[in-house]
Amino acid sequence: MDKQAPTILVVDDDADFLEQQKITLESAGYEVWTADSQKEAEELLEKQCPDAAVVDLMMEEADGGFALCYHIKQKHPDLPVIIVTAVASEAGLDFDAATDEERSWVKADAMLAKPVRPEQLYKELQRLLK
Protein backbone atom coordinates (compact mmCIF):
# COMPACT_ATOMS: atom_id res chain seq x y z
CA MET A 1 0.00 0.00 0.00
CA ASP A 2 1.65 3.25 -1.15
CA LYS A 3 -0.67 5.61 0.67
CA GLN A 4 -0.73 5.45 4.44
CA ALA A 5 -3.99 4.03 5.79
CA PRO A 6 -6.23 6.57 7.51
CA THR A 7 -6.00 6.40 11.29
CA ILE A 8 -9.24 6.09 13.26
CA LEU A 9 -9.45 6.71 17.00
CA VAL A 10 -12.19 4.59 18.59
CA VAL A 11 -13.25 5.61 22.11
CA ASP A 12 -15.63 3.49 24.18
CA ASP A 13 -15.73 2.17 27.74
CA ASP A 14 -17.10 -1.16 26.45
CA ALA A 15 -14.05 -3.38 25.85
CA ASP A 16 -16.01 -5.77 23.61
CA PHE A 17 -17.24 -2.92 21.39
CA LEU A 18 -13.71 -1.49 21.18
CA GLU A 19 -12.23 -4.82 20.12
CA GLN A 20 -15.04 -5.46 17.61
CA GLN A 21 -14.57 -2.03 15.99
CA LYS A 22 -10.77 -2.43 15.93
CA ILE A 23 -11.03 -5.77 14.10
CA THR A 24 -13.73 -4.48 11.73
CA LEU A 25 -11.88 -1.28 10.82
CA GLU A 26 -8.46 -2.94 10.49
CA SER A 27 -9.95 -5.52 8.13
CA ALA A 28 -11.18 -2.59 6.01
CA GLY A 29 -7.64 -1.21 5.80
CA TYR A 30 -7.69 1.45 8.53
CA GLU A 31 -5.09 1.90 11.24
CA VAL A 32 -6.94 1.91 14.57
CA TRP A 33 -6.10 3.49 17.91
CA THR A 34 -8.33 2.72 20.87
CA ALA A 35 -9.07 4.45 24.17
CA ASP A 36 -11.41 3.18 26.86
CA SER A 37 -12.18 6.56 28.44
CA GLN A 38 -12.54 10.24 27.71
CA LYS A 39 -9.40 10.89 29.75
CA GLU A 40 -7.30 8.32 27.84
CA ALA A 41 -8.54 9.70 24.50
CA GLU A 42 -7.67 13.29 25.49
CA GLU A 43 -4.18 12.22 26.58
CA LEU A 44 -3.67 10.43 23.25
CA LEU A 45 -4.92 13.47 21.32
CA GLU A 46 -2.35 15.68 23.10
CA LYS A 47 0.42 13.65 21.43
CA GLN A 48 -1.02 12.81 18.01
CA CYS A 49 -3.98 13.41 15.76
CA PRO A 50 -5.92 10.66 13.96
CA ASP A 51 -7.72 11.17 10.64
CA ALA A 52 -11.13 10.57 12.27
CA ALA A 53 -12.66 9.64 15.62
CA VAL A 54 -15.49 7.29 16.55
CA VAL A 55 -16.71 8.22 20.04
CA ASP A 56 -19.21 6.56 22.38
CA LEU A 57 -21.68 9.04 23.83
CA MET A 58 -22.04 7.73 27.37
CA MET A 59 -18.80 6.62 29.02
CA GLU A 60 -17.57 7.16 32.58
CA GLU A 61 -19.65 10.34 32.67
CA ALA A 62 -23.11 10.46 31.09
CA ASP A 63 -21.99 13.33 28.85
CA GLY A 64 -18.42 12.06 28.33
CA GLY A 65 -18.84 11.67 24.58
CA PHE A 66 -20.23 15.18 24.18
CA ALA A 67 -17.38 16.63 26.26
CA LEU A 68 -14.77 14.65 24.30
CA CYS A 69 -16.25 15.78 20.96
CA TYR A 70 -16.17 19.39 22.19
CA HIS A 71 -12.49 19.06 23.16
CA ILE A 72 -11.60 17.35 19.87
CA LYS A 73 -13.28 20.09 17.82
CA GLN A 74 -11.59 22.82 19.90
CA LYS A 75 -8.15 21.36 19.27
CA HIS A 76 -8.73 19.89 15.78
CA PRO A 77 -11.75 21.65 14.16
CA ASP A 78 -11.45 19.72 10.89
CA LEU A 79 -11.16 16.25 12.45
CA PRO A 80 -14.27 14.23 11.52
CA VAL A 81 -16.07 12.85 14.58
CA ILE A 82 -18.74 10.15 14.59
CA ILE A 83 -20.71 9.60 17.79
CA VAL A 84 -21.99 6.06 18.34
CA THR A 85 -24.65 5.58 20.98
CA ALA A 86 -27.26 3.28 22.38
CA VAL A 87 -28.94 6.21 24.14
CA ALA A 88 -31.87 6.33 21.71
CA SER A 89 -32.83 2.73 22.41
CA GLU A 90 -31.98 2.88 26.13
CA ALA A 91 -33.50 6.26 27.02
CA GLY A 92 -35.94 6.86 24.18
CA LEU A 93 -34.16 10.12 23.33
CA ASP A 94 -33.95 11.02 19.69
CA PHE A 95 -31.34 13.45 18.46
CA ASP A 96 -29.01 13.62 15.51
CA ALA A 97 -26.19 15.66 13.99
CA ALA A 98 -28.00 16.25 10.72
CA THR A 99 -28.63 20.00 10.92
CA ASP A 100 -26.24 22.90 11.48
CA GLU A 101 -28.07 23.71 14.73
CA GLU A 102 -27.64 20.16 16.06
CA ARG A 103 -23.97 20.08 15.03
CA SER A 104 -23.44 23.42 16.82
CA TRP A 105 -24.04 21.76 20.19
CA VAL A 106 -23.43 18.07 19.46
CA LYS A 107 -19.96 18.79 17.95
CA ALA A 108 -20.05 15.64 15.83
CA ASP A 109 -20.17 15.22 12.08
CA ALA A 110 -22.38 12.12 12.23
CA MET A 111 -24.24 9.95 14.72
CA LEU A 112 -24.81 6.21 14.48
CA ALA A 113 -27.03 4.07 16.71
CA LYS A 114 -25.59 1.00 18.38
CA PRO A 115 -25.35 -1.72 17.37
CA VAL A 116 -23.33 -0.18 14.54
CA ARG A 117 -23.38 -2.10 11.29
CA PRO A 118 -19.91 -2.19 9.68
CA GLU A 119 -21.25 -0.95 6.33
CA GLN A 120 -22.81 2.08 8.09
CA LEU A 121 -19.50 2.96 9.70
CA TYR A 122 -17.53 2.45 6.46
CA LYS A 123 -19.97 4.67 4.57
CA GLU A 124 -19.73 7.51 7.10
CA LEU A 125 -15.93 7.28 7.30
CA GLN A 126 -15.61 7.34 3.51
CA ARG A 127 -17.92 10.36 3.34
CA LEU A 128 -16.12 12.26 6.09
CA LEU A 129 -12.56 11.43 4.98
CA LYS A 130 -13.02 12.74 1.40
C-alpha atoms as a PDB file:
ATOM      1  CA  MET A   1       0.000   0.000   0.000  1.00  0.00           C
ATOM      2  CA  ASP A   2       1.645   3.247  -1.149  1.00  0.00           C
ATOM      3  CA  LYS A   3      -0.668   5.609   0.670  1.00  0.00           C
ATOM      4  CA  GLN A   4      -0.733   5.448   4.443  1.00  0.00           C
ATOM      5  CA  ALA A   5      -3.986   4.032   5.792  1.00  0.00           C
ATOM      6  CA  PRO A   6      -6.233   6.575   7.515  1.00  0.00           C
ATOM      7  CA  THR A   7      -5.998   6.403  11.294  1.00  0.00           C
ATOM      8  CA  ILE A   8      -9.237   6.089  13.257  1.00  0.00           C
ATOM      9  CA  LEU A   9      -9.445   6.710  17.001  1.00  0.00           C
ATOM     10  CA  VAL A  10     -12.193   4.592  18.587  1.00  0.00           C
ATOM     11  CA  VAL A  11     -13.246   5.611  22.113  1.00  0.00           C
ATOM     12  CA  ASP A  12     -15.631   3.489  24.175  1.00  0.00           C
ATOM     13  CA  ASP A  13     -15.726   2.167  27.738  1.00  0.00           C
ATOM     14  CA  ASP A  14     -17.102  -1.160  26.453  1.00  0.00           C
ATOM     15  CA  ALA A  15     -14.048  -3.377  25.851  1.00  0.00           C
ATOM     16  CA  ASP A  16     -16.008  -5.775  23.612  1.00  0.00           C
ATOM     17  CA  PHE A  17     -17.244  -2.921  21.390  1.00  0.00           C
ATOM     18  CA  LEU A  18     -13.705  -1.494  21.184  1.00  0.00           C
ATOM     19  CA  GLU A  19     -12.226  -4.823  20.117  1.00  0.00           C
ATOM     20  CA  GLN A  20     -15.042  -5.457  17.615  1.00  0.00           C
ATOM     21  CA  GLN A  21     -14.569  -2.032  15.989  1.00  0.00           C
ATOM     22  CA  LYS A  22     -10.775  -2.431  15.928  1.00  0.00           C
ATOM     23  CA  ILE A  23     -11.030  -5.770  14.099  1.00  0.00           C
ATOM     24  CA  THR A  24     -13.733  -4.478  11.729  1.00  0.00           C
ATOM     25  CA  LEU A  25     -11.877  -1.277  10.822  1.00  0.00           C
ATOM     26  CA  GLU A  26      -8.457  -2.941  10.491  1.00  0.00           C
ATOM     27  CA  SER A  27      -9.951  -5.525   8.132  1.00  0.00           C
ATOM     28  CA  ALA A  28     -11.177  -2.589   6.012  1.00  0.00           C
ATOM     29  CA  GLY A  29      -7.638  -1.210   5.801  1.00  0.00           C
ATOM     30  CA  TYR A  30      -7.692   1.450   8.533  1.00  0.00           C
ATOM     31  CA  GLU A  31      -5.091   1.896  11.242  1.00  0.00           C
ATOM     32  CA  VAL A  32      -6.941   1.913  14.575  1.00  0.00           C
ATOM     33  CA  TRP A  33      -6.101   3.488  17.913  1.00  0.00           C
ATOM     34  CA  THR A  34      -8.335   2.721  20.874  1.00  0.00           C
ATOM     35  CA  ALA A  35      -9.066   4.453  24.167  1.00  0.00           C
ATOM     36  CA  ASP A  36     -11.409   3.182  26.865  1.00  0.00           C
ATOM     37  CA  SER A  37     -12.181   6.556  28.444  1.00  0.00           C
ATOM     38  CA  GLN A  38     -12.544  10.244  27.711  1.00  0.00           C
ATOM     39  CA  LYS A  39      -9.395  10.891  29.754  1.00  0.00           C
ATOM     40  CA  GLU A  40      -7.303   8.322  27.841  1.00  0.00           C
ATOM     41  CA  ALA A  41      -8.544   9.703  24.504  1.00  0.00           C
ATOM     42  CA  GLU A  42      -7.672  13.289  25.491  1.00  0.00           C
ATOM     43  CA  GLU A  43      -4.176  12.218  26.583  1.00  0.00           C
ATOM     44  CA  LEU A  44      -3.669  10.429  23.254  1.00  0.00           C
ATOM     45  CA  LEU A  45      -4.921  13.472  21.323  1.00  0.00           C
ATOM     46  CA  GLU A  46      -2.352  15.677  23.103  1.00  0.00           C
ATOM     47  CA  LYS A  47       0.424  13.649  21.431  1.00  0.00           C
ATOM     48  CA  GLN A  48      -1.017  12.809  18.011  1.00  0.00           C
ATOM     49  CA  CYS A  49      -3.983  13.408  15.756  1.00  0.00           C
ATOM     50  CA  PRO A  50      -5.923  10.664  13.958  1.00  0.00           C
ATOM     51  CA  ASP A  51      -7.721  11.166  10.643  1.00  0.00           C
ATOM     52  CA  ALA A  52     -11.134  10.572  12.271  1.00  0.00           C
ATOM     53  CA  ALA A  53     -12.656   9.640  15.623  1.00  0.00           C
ATOM     54  CA  VAL A  54     -15.492   7.293  16.553  1.00  0.00           C
ATOM     55  CA  VAL A  55     -16.707   8.215  20.038  1.00  0.00           C
ATOM     56  CA  ASP A  56     -19.208   6.561  22.384  1.00  0.00           C
ATOM     57  CA  LEU A  57     -21.681   9.037  23.831  1.00  0.00           C
ATOM     58  CA  MET A  58     -22.039   7.726  27.374  1.00  0.00           C
ATOM     59  CA  MET A  59     -18.802   6.618  29.019  1.00  0.00           C
ATOM     60  CA  GLU A  60     -17.569   7.155  32.577  1.00  0.00           C
ATOM     61  CA  GLU A  61     -19.651  10.340  32.674  1.00  0.00           C
ATOM     62  CA  ALA A  62     -23.115  10.458  31.089  1.00  0.00           C
ATOM     63  CA  ASP A  63     -21.990  13.329  28.846  1.00  0.00           C
ATOM     64  CA  GLY A  64     -18.422  12.063  28.328  1.00  0.00           C
ATOM     65  CA  GLY A  65     -18.840  11.669  24.581  1.00  0.00           C
ATOM     66  CA  PHE A  66     -20.231  15.181  24.178  1.00  0.00           C
ATOM     67  CA  ALA A  67     -17.375  16.625  26.260  1.00  0.00           C
ATOM     68  CA  LEU A  68     -14.766  14.654  24.305  1.00  0.00           C
ATOM     69  CA  CYS A  69     -16.246  15.780  20.963  1.00  0.00           C
ATOM     70  CA  TYR A  70     -16.170  19.389  22.188  1.00  0.00           C
ATOM     71  CA  HIS A  71     -12.487  19.061  23.155  1.00  0.00           C
ATOM     72  CA  ILE A  72     -11.604  17.346  19.869  1.00  0.00           C
ATOM     73  CA  LYS A  73     -13.283  20.093  17.816  1.00  0.00           C
ATOM     74  CA  GLN A  74     -11.593  22.823  19.901  1.00  0.00           C
ATOM     75  CA  LYS A  75      -8.151  21.361  19.266  1.00  0.00           C
ATOM     76  CA  HIS A  76      -8.728  19.886  15.776  1.00  0.00           C
ATOM     77  CA  PRO A  77     -11.746  21.646  14.160  1.00  0.00           C
ATOM     78  CA  ASP A  78     -11.447  19.716  10.889  1.00  0.00           C
ATOM     79  CA  LEU A  79     -11.163  16.254  12.450  1.00  0.00           C
ATOM     80  CA  PRO A  80     -14.267  14.233  11.515  1.00  0.00           C
ATOM     81  CA  VAL A  81     -16.067  12.846  14.578  1.00  0.00           C
ATOM     82  CA  ILE A  82     -18.736  10.149  14.586  1.00  0.00           C
ATOM     83  CA  ILE A  83     -20.714   9.595  17.785  1.00  0.00           C
ATOM     84  CA  VAL A  84     -21.986   6.061  18.345  1.00  0.00           C
ATOM     85  CA  THR A  85     -24.645   5.578  20.979  1.00  0.00           C
ATOM     86  CA  ALA A  86     -27.259   3.275  22.382  1.00  0.00           C
ATOM     87  CA  VAL A  87     -28.935   6.209  24.143  1.00  0.00           C
ATOM     88  CA  ALA A  88     -31.867   6.331  21.710  1.00  0.00           C
ATOM     89  CA  SER A  89     -32.831   2.731  22.409  1.00  0.00           C
ATOM     90  CA  GLU A  90     -31.978   2.878  26.133  1.00  0.00           C
ATOM     91  CA  ALA A  91     -33.498   6.256  27.017  1.00  0.00           C
ATOM     92  CA  GLY A  92     -35.939   6.861  24.183  1.00  0.00           C
ATOM     93  CA  LEU A  93     -34.160  10.124  23.328  1.00  0.00           C
ATOM     94  CA  ASP A  94     -33.951  11.021  19.685  1.00  0.00           C
ATOM     95  CA  PHE A  95     -31.338  13.453  18.455  1.00  0.00           C
ATOM     96  CA  ASP A  96     -29.009  13.621  15.512  1.00  0.00           C
ATOM     97  CA  ALA A  97     -26.192  15.656  13.987  1.00  0.00           C
ATOM     98  CA  ALA A  98     -28.003  16.249  10.717  1.00  0.00           C
ATOM     99  CA  THR A  99     -28.631  19.997  10.921  1.00  0.00           C
ATOM    100  CA  ASP A 100     -26.242  22.905  11.481  1.00  0.00           C
ATOM    101  CA  GLU A 101     -28.069  23.707  14.729  1.00  0.00           C
ATOM    102  CA  GLU A 102     -27.637  20.164  16.062  1.00  0.00           C
ATOM    103  CA  ARG A 103     -23.975  20.084  15.032  1.00  0.00           C
ATOM    104  CA  SER A 104     -23.436  23.418  16.816  1.00  0.00           C
ATOM    105  CA  TRP A 105     -24.043  21.762  20.190  1.00  0.00           C
ATOM    106  CA  VAL A 106     -23.433  18.074  19.459  1.00  0.00           C
ATOM    107  CA  LYS A 107     -19.963  18.788  17.955  1.00  0.00           C
ATOM    108  CA  ALA A 108     -20.053  15.637  15.833  1.00  0.00           C
ATOM    109  CA  ASP A 109     -20.172  15.215  12.079  1.00  0.00           C
ATOM    110  CA  ALA A 110     -22.375  12.116  12.228  1.00  0.00           C
ATOM    111  CA  MET A 111     -24.236   9.945  14.717  1.00  0.00           C
ATOM    112  CA  LEU A 112     -24.808   6.206  14.482  1.00  0.00           C
ATOM    113  CA  ALA A 113     -27.026   4.074  16.707  1.00  0.00           C
ATOM    114  CA  LYS A 114     -25.592   0.997  18.382  1.00  0.00           C
ATOM    115  CA  PRO A 115     -25.353  -1.721  17.365  1.00  0.00           C
ATOM    116  CA  VAL A 116     -23.331  -0.183  14.543  1.00  0.00           C
ATOM    117  CA  ARG A 117     -23.380  -2.099  11.290  1.00  0.00           C
ATOM    118  CA  PRO A 118     -19.906  -2.194   9.679  1.00  0.00           C
ATOM    119  CA  GLU A 119     -21.252  -0.952   6.330  1.00  0.00           C
ATOM    120  CA  GLN A 120     -22.808   2.083   8.091  1.00  0.00           C
ATOM    121  CA  LEU A 121     -19.503   2.964   9.705  1.00  0.00           C
ATOM    122  CA  TYR A 122     -17.527   2.455   6.460  1.00  0.00           C
ATOM    123  CA  LYS A 123     -19.975   4.671   4.568  1.00  0.00           C
ATOM    124  CA  GLU A 124     -19.728   7.505   7.103  1.00  0.00           C
ATOM    125  CA  LEU A 125     -15.926   7.277   7.302  1.00  0.00           C
ATOM    126  CA  GLN A 126     -15.609   7.336   3.514  1.00  0.00           C
ATOM    127  CA  ARG A 127     -17.921  10.355   3.339  1.00  0.00           C
ATOM    128  CA  LEU A 128     -16.119  12.259   6.091  1.00  0.00           C
ATOM    129  CA  LEU A 129     -12.560  11.428   4.980  1.00  0.00           C
ATOM    130  CA  LYS A 130     -13.024  12.735   1.400  1.00  0.00           C
END
